[in-house]
Amino acid sequence: GGESKPCPWINTRGDFKTWRDMTKRKRGGQSKGGVYKLDKERREVIEYKDNWTAFGYTKGRNGIKVGDVVDAGRGGKELDGNLYVHESQCKEKTYVEGDILPLKAPVVQP
């Protein structure tokens, strides 16, 4: 496979932008989606933000990456006495403030 592929960004700037958006979209599966902030005791939704950065934990050397929240799964990542659950972990419905986000996904009856 020695033939050189044409660089996708050689074309005009506009193409570069679409190309960049494409790669972003491909990669961004995990980081897209909001995060629920839960009460640790009751697992009640306190707050929802549509991206993890909005909670401010990504800053600094010990920043928590969105991947860490995703990896914490449905149980949530504990920070400052609250639990943070990534939206991708609870596909069954969109929870709102005041909802209880159960540790096990409710079985939806067809």
Foldseek 3Di string as FASTA:
>chain_A
DPDDDPDQCPDDPVSVVVVVVVVCVVPCPQQFAKKFKAQLPQQFTADIDRGPCVVVQQDDDNRDDSVNQVVVALNADDDPRIGMHTPVRAVPDDDDGGDHRDSDHDDDDD
